[in-house]
């Protein structure tokens, strides 16, 4: 088993146990907002509610279509969105912070700043990027 898989398994175990502090001890992962992590539970889709994505937009991504006001990009930049997919279904969304770094909210836990693939295995093994259309 390679080191990336071992790291993702470690992250997955901590994620499943909601051991947010353990995840924050992983190199290059930062816990951004540890205060009152359950405050967003009243939002139906808490994993991406803070990013401004309605669920219907993410369902379009599953169909291979860019949501209205967005386009797919192969060269993401700061402020673009990383949509994680597992077996063709979206599992998670994060905002690209800088090259290969993402800002995202994990379940009902806190916000993390993390490398693209420093995520639980349940988020999947594919990422597509969305760029907001210029207004």
C-alpha atoms as a PDB file:
ATOM      1  CA  UNK A   1       0.000   0.000   0.000  1.00  0.00           C
ATOM      2  CA  UNK A   2       1.456   3.384  -0.944  1.00  0.00           C
ATOM      3  CA  UNK A   3       1.872   6.289   1.466  1.00  0.00           C
ATOM      4  CA  UNK A   4      -0.947   8.345  -0.134  1.00  0.00           C
ATOM      5  CA  UNK A   5      -3.431   5.514   0.419  1.00  0.00           C
ATOM      6  CA  UNK A   6      -2.268   5.062   4.017  1.00  0.00           C
ATOM      7  CA  UNK A   7      -2.691   8.797   4.635  1.00  0.00           C
ATOM      8  CA  UNK A   8      -6.202   8.816   3.151  1.00  0.00           C
ATOM      9  CA  UNK A   9      -7.122   5.806   5.284  1.00  0.00           C
ATOM     10  CA  UNK A  10      -5.858   7.636   8.391  1.00  0.00           C
ATOM     11  CA  UNK A  11      -7.906  10.691   7.424  1.00  0.00           C
ATOM     12  CA  UNK A  12     -10.943   8.455   6.772  1.00  0.00           C
ATOM     13  CA  UNK A  13     -10.756   6.862  10.226  1.00  0.00           C
ATOM     14  CA  UNK A  14     -10.498  10.280  11.902  1.00  0.00           C
ATOM     15  CA  UNK A  15     -13.329  11.652   9.722  1.00  0.00           C
ATOM     16  CA  UNK A  16     -15.629   8.751  10.589  1.00  0.00           C
ATOM     17  CA  UNK A  17     -14.949   9.354  14.298  1.00  0.00           C
ATOM     18  CA  UNK A  18     -15.277  13.142  13.896  1.00  0.00           C
ATOM     19  CA  UNK A  19     -11.768  13.423  15.323  1.00  0.00           C
ATOM     20  CA  UNK A  20     -11.210  16.876  13.835  1.00  0.00           C
ATOM     21  CA  UNK A  21      -8.158  17.646  16.002  1.00  0.00           C
ATOM     22  CA  UNK A  22      -6.429  14.523  14.719  1.00  0.00           C
ATOM     23  CA  UNK A  23      -7.042  15.590  11.130  1.00  0.00           C
ATOM     24  CA  UNK A  24      -5.619  19.030  11.936  1.00  0.00           C
ATOM     25  CA  UNK A  25      -2.356  17.359  13.076  1.00  0.00           C
ATOM     26  CA  UNK A  26      -1.761  15.935   9.603  1.00  0.00           C
ATOM     27  CA  UNK A  27       1.004  17.861   7.812  1.00  0.00           C
ATOM     28  CA  UNK A  28      -0.272  20.641   5.525  1.00  0.00           C
ATOM     29  CA  UNK A  29      -3.833  20.409   6.892  1.00  0.00           C
ATOM     30  CA  UNK A  30      -5.150  23.358   8.900  1.00  0.00           C
ATOM     31  CA  UNK A  31      -8.326  23.536  10.915  1.00  0.00           C
ATOM     32  CA  UNK A  32      -9.762  26.925   9.934  1.00  0.00           C
ATOM     33  CA  UNK A  33     -12.907  27.339  12.025  1.00  0.00           C
ATOM     34  CA  UNK A  34     -13.055  25.099  15.105  1.00  0.00           C
ATOM     35  CA  UNK A  35     -15.673  27.172  16.921  1.00  0.00           C
ATOM     36  CA  UNK A  36     -19.160  25.668  17.191  1.00  0.00           C
ATOM     37  CA  UNK A  37     -18.753  23.289  14.218  1.00  0.00           C
ATOM     38  CA  UNK A  38     -22.385  22.116  14.364  1.00  0.00           C
ATOM     39  CA  UNK A  39     -23.876  25.562  13.777  1.00  0.00           C
ATOM     40  CA  UNK A  40     -24.529  24.843  10.085  1.00  0.00           C
ATOM     41  CA  UNK A  41     -26.571  21.686  10.716  1.00  0.00           C
ATOM     42  CA  UNK A  42     -29.805  23.566  10.092  1.00  0.00           C
ATOM     43  CA  UNK A  43     -28.740  23.893   6.440  1.00  0.00           C
ATOM     44  CA  UNK A  44     -29.812  20.904   4.395  1.00  0.00           C
ATOM     45  CA  UNK A  45     -26.557  20.534   2.497  1.00  0.00           C
ATOM     46  CA  UNK A  46     -23.987  21.566   5.063  1.00  0.00           C
ATOM     47  CA  UNK A  47     -20.976  20.140   3.206  1.00  0.00           C
ATOM     48  CA  UNK A  48     -21.294  22.791   0.503  1.00  0.00           C
ATOM     49  CA  UNK A  49     -23.865  25.260   1.833  1.00  0.00           C
ATOM     50  CA  UNK A  50     -21.174  27.712   2.835  1.00  0.00           C
ATOM     51  CA  UNK A  51     -19.880  27.746  -0.729  1.00  0.00           C
ATOM     52  CA  UNK A  52     -23.177  28.801  -2.291  1.00  0.00           C
ATOM     53  CA  UNK A  53     -24.004  25.629  -4.209  1.00  0.00           C
ATOM     54  CA  UNK A  54     -27.588  24.388  -4.383  1.00  0.00           C
ATOM     55  CA  UNK A  55     -27.858  20.605  -4.673  1.00  0.00           C
ATOM     56  CA  UNK A  56     -29.430  20.829  -8.141  1.00  0.00           C
ATOM     57  CA  UNK A  57     -26.230  22.405  -9.513  1.00  0.00           C
ATOM     58  CA  UNK A  58     -24.167  19.517  -8.223  1.00  0.00           C
ATOM     59  CA  UNK A  59     -26.566  17.018  -9.748  1.00  0.00           C
ATOM     60  CA  UNK A  60     -25.817  18.637 -13.108  1.00  0.00           C
ATOM     61  CA  UNK A  61     -22.119  17.930 -12.555  1.00  0.00           C
ATOM     62  CA  UNK A  62     -22.986  14.243 -12.082  1.00  0.00           C
ATOM     63  CA  UNK A  63     -24.571  14.346 -15.559  1.00  0.00           C
ATOM     64  CA  UNK A  64     -21.390  15.896 -16.977  1.00  0.00           C
ATOM     65  CA  UNK A  65     -22.958  19.325 -17.382  1.00  0.00           C
ATOM     66  CA  UNK A  66     -21.611  22.561 -15.945  1.00  0.00           C
ATOM     67  CA  UNK A  67     -24.210  24.361 -13.798  1.00  0.00           C
ATOM     68  CA  UNK A  68     -25.609  27.640 -15.132  1.00  0.00           C
ATOM     69  CA  UNK A  69     -23.081  30.411 -14.538  1.00  0.00           C
ATOM     70  CA  UNK A  70     -20.123  27.973 -14.393  1.00  0.00           C
ATOM     71  CA  UNK A  71     -17.814  26.194 -16.803  1.00  0.00           C
ATOM     72  CA  UNK A  72     -15.517  23.223 -16.369  1.00  0.00           C
ATOM     73  CA  UNK A  73     -11.806  23.995 -16.290  1.00  0.00           C
ATOM     74  CA  UNK A  74      -8.653  21.899 -16.414  1.00  0.00           C
ATOM     75  CA  UNK A  75      -6.534  24.701 -14.956  1.00  0.00           C
ATOM     76  CA  UNK A  76      -8.205  25.763 -11.710  1.00  0.00           C
ATOM     77  CA  UNK A  77      -7.230  28.945  -9.970  1.00  0.00           C
ATOM     78  CA  UNK A  78      -7.882  30.476  -6.599  1.00  0.00           C
ATOM     79  CA  UNK A  79     -11.629  30.851  -6.051  1.00  0.00           C
ATOM     80  CA  UNK A  80     -12.646  28.044  -8.417  1.00  0.00           C
ATOM     81  CA  UNK A  81     -14.455  25.001  -7.057  1.00  0.00           C
ATOM     82  CA  UNK A  82     -13.257  21.408  -6.709  1.00  0.00           C
ATOM     83  CA  UNK A  83     -16.131  18.915  -6.920  1.00  0.00           C
ATOM     84  CA  UNK A  84     -15.210  15.462  -5.601  1.00  0.00           C
ATOM     85  CA  UNK A  85     -16.905  12.476  -7.231  1.00  0.00           C
ATOM     86  CA  UNK A  86     -17.132   8.824  -6.279  1.00  0.00           C
ATOM     87  CA  UNK A  87     -18.526   6.437  -8.882  1.00  0.00           C
ATOM     88  CA  UNK A  88     -19.968   9.402 -10.780  1.00  0.00           C
ATOM     89  CA  UNK A  89     -21.804  10.940  -7.805  1.00  0.00           C
ATOM     90  CA  UNK A  90     -20.731  14.140  -6.103  1.00  0.00           C
ATOM     91  CA  UNK A  91     -19.603  13.693  -2.524  1.00  0.00           C
ATOM     92  CA  UNK A  92     -17.964  16.952  -1.543  1.00  0.00           C
ATOM     93  CA  UNK A  93     -17.165  20.458  -2.745  1.00  0.00           C
ATOM     94  CA  UNK A  94     -14.290  22.708  -1.815  1.00  0.00           C
ATOM     95  CA  UNK A  95     -13.038  26.092  -2.905  1.00  0.00           C
ATOM     96  CA  UNK A  96      -9.589  26.163  -4.481  1.00  0.00           C
ATOM     97  CA  UNK A  97      -7.406  28.263  -2.209  1.00  0.00           C
ATOM     98  CA  UNK A  98      -4.191  28.022  -4.199  1.00  0.00           C
ATOM     99  CA  UNK A  99      -2.490  25.396  -6.345  1.00  0.00           C
ATOM    100  CA  UNK A 100      -3.519  21.942  -5.078  1.00  0.00           C
ATOM    101  CA  UNK A 101      -4.957  23.422  -1.857  1.00  0.00           C
ATOM    102  CA  UNK A 102      -8.652  23.461  -0.970  1.00  0.00           C
ATOM    103  CA  UNK A 103     -10.839  25.134   1.646  1.00  0.00           C
ATOM    104  CA  UNK A 104     -13.807  22.972   2.599  1.00  0.00           C
ATOM    105  CA  UNK A 105     -16.254  22.098   5.353  1.00  0.00           C
ATOM    106  CA  UNK A 106     -16.247  18.461   6.395  1.00  0.00           C
ATOM    107  CA  UNK A 107     -19.629  17.028   7.310  1.00  0.00           C
ATOM    108  CA  UNK A 108     -20.956  18.817  10.395  1.00  0.00           C
ATOM    109  CA  UNK A 109     -17.368  19.449  11.449  1.00  0.00           C
ATOM    110  CA  UNK A 110     -15.158  22.457  10.927  1.00  0.00           C
ATOM    111  CA  UNK A 111     -13.654  24.079   7.849  1.00  0.00           C
ATOM    112  CA  UNK A 112     -10.260  22.763   6.754  1.00  0.00           C
ATOM    113  CA  UNK A 113      -7.545  24.111   4.484  1.00  0.00           C
ATOM    114  CA  UNK A 114      -5.955  21.007   2.961  1.00  0.00           C
ATOM    115  CA  UNK A 115      -4.100  19.590  -0.044  1.00  0.00           C
ATOM    116  CA  UNK A 116      -6.476  18.380  -2.752  1.00  0.00           C
ATOM    117  CA  UNK A 117      -6.153  14.681  -1.903  1.00  0.00           C
ATOM    118  CA  UNK A 118      -5.839  14.961   1.888  1.00  0.00           C
ATOM    119  CA  UNK A 119      -9.493  13.933   2.192  1.00  0.00           C
ATOM    120  CA  UNK A 120     -11.410  10.835   3.328  1.00  0.00           C
ATOM    121  CA  UNK A 121     -11.602   7.916   0.903  1.00  0.00           C
ATOM    122  CA  UNK A 122     -15.404   8.338   0.888  1.00  0.00           C
ATOM    123  CA  UNK A 123     -14.983  11.599  -1.079  1.00  0.00           C
ATOM    124  CA  UNK A 124     -13.897   9.521  -4.097  1.00  0.00           C
ATOM    125  CA  UNK A 125     -10.971   9.483  -6.498  1.00  0.00           C
ATOM    126  CA  UNK A 126     -12.043  12.023  -9.085  1.00  0.00           C
ATOM    127  CA  UNK A 127     -12.219  15.804  -8.996  1.00  0.00           C
ATOM    128  CA  UNK A 128     -13.681  18.153 -11.582  1.00  0.00           C
ATOM    129  CA  UNK A 129     -13.162  21.882 -11.382  1.00  0.00           C
ATOM    130  CA  UNK A 130     -15.724  24.600 -11.935  1.00  0.00           C
ATOM    131  CA  UNK A 131     -14.952  28.205 -12.755  1.00  0.00           C
ATOM    132  CA  UNK A 132     -17.580  30.860 -12.161  1.00  0.00           C
ATOM    133  CA  UNK A 133     -18.544  32.681 -15.369  1.00  0.00           C
ATOM    134  CA  UNK A 134     -17.393  36.262 -15.735  1.00  0.00           C
ATOM    135  CA  UNK A 135     -20.199  38.717 -15.163  1.00  0.00           C
END
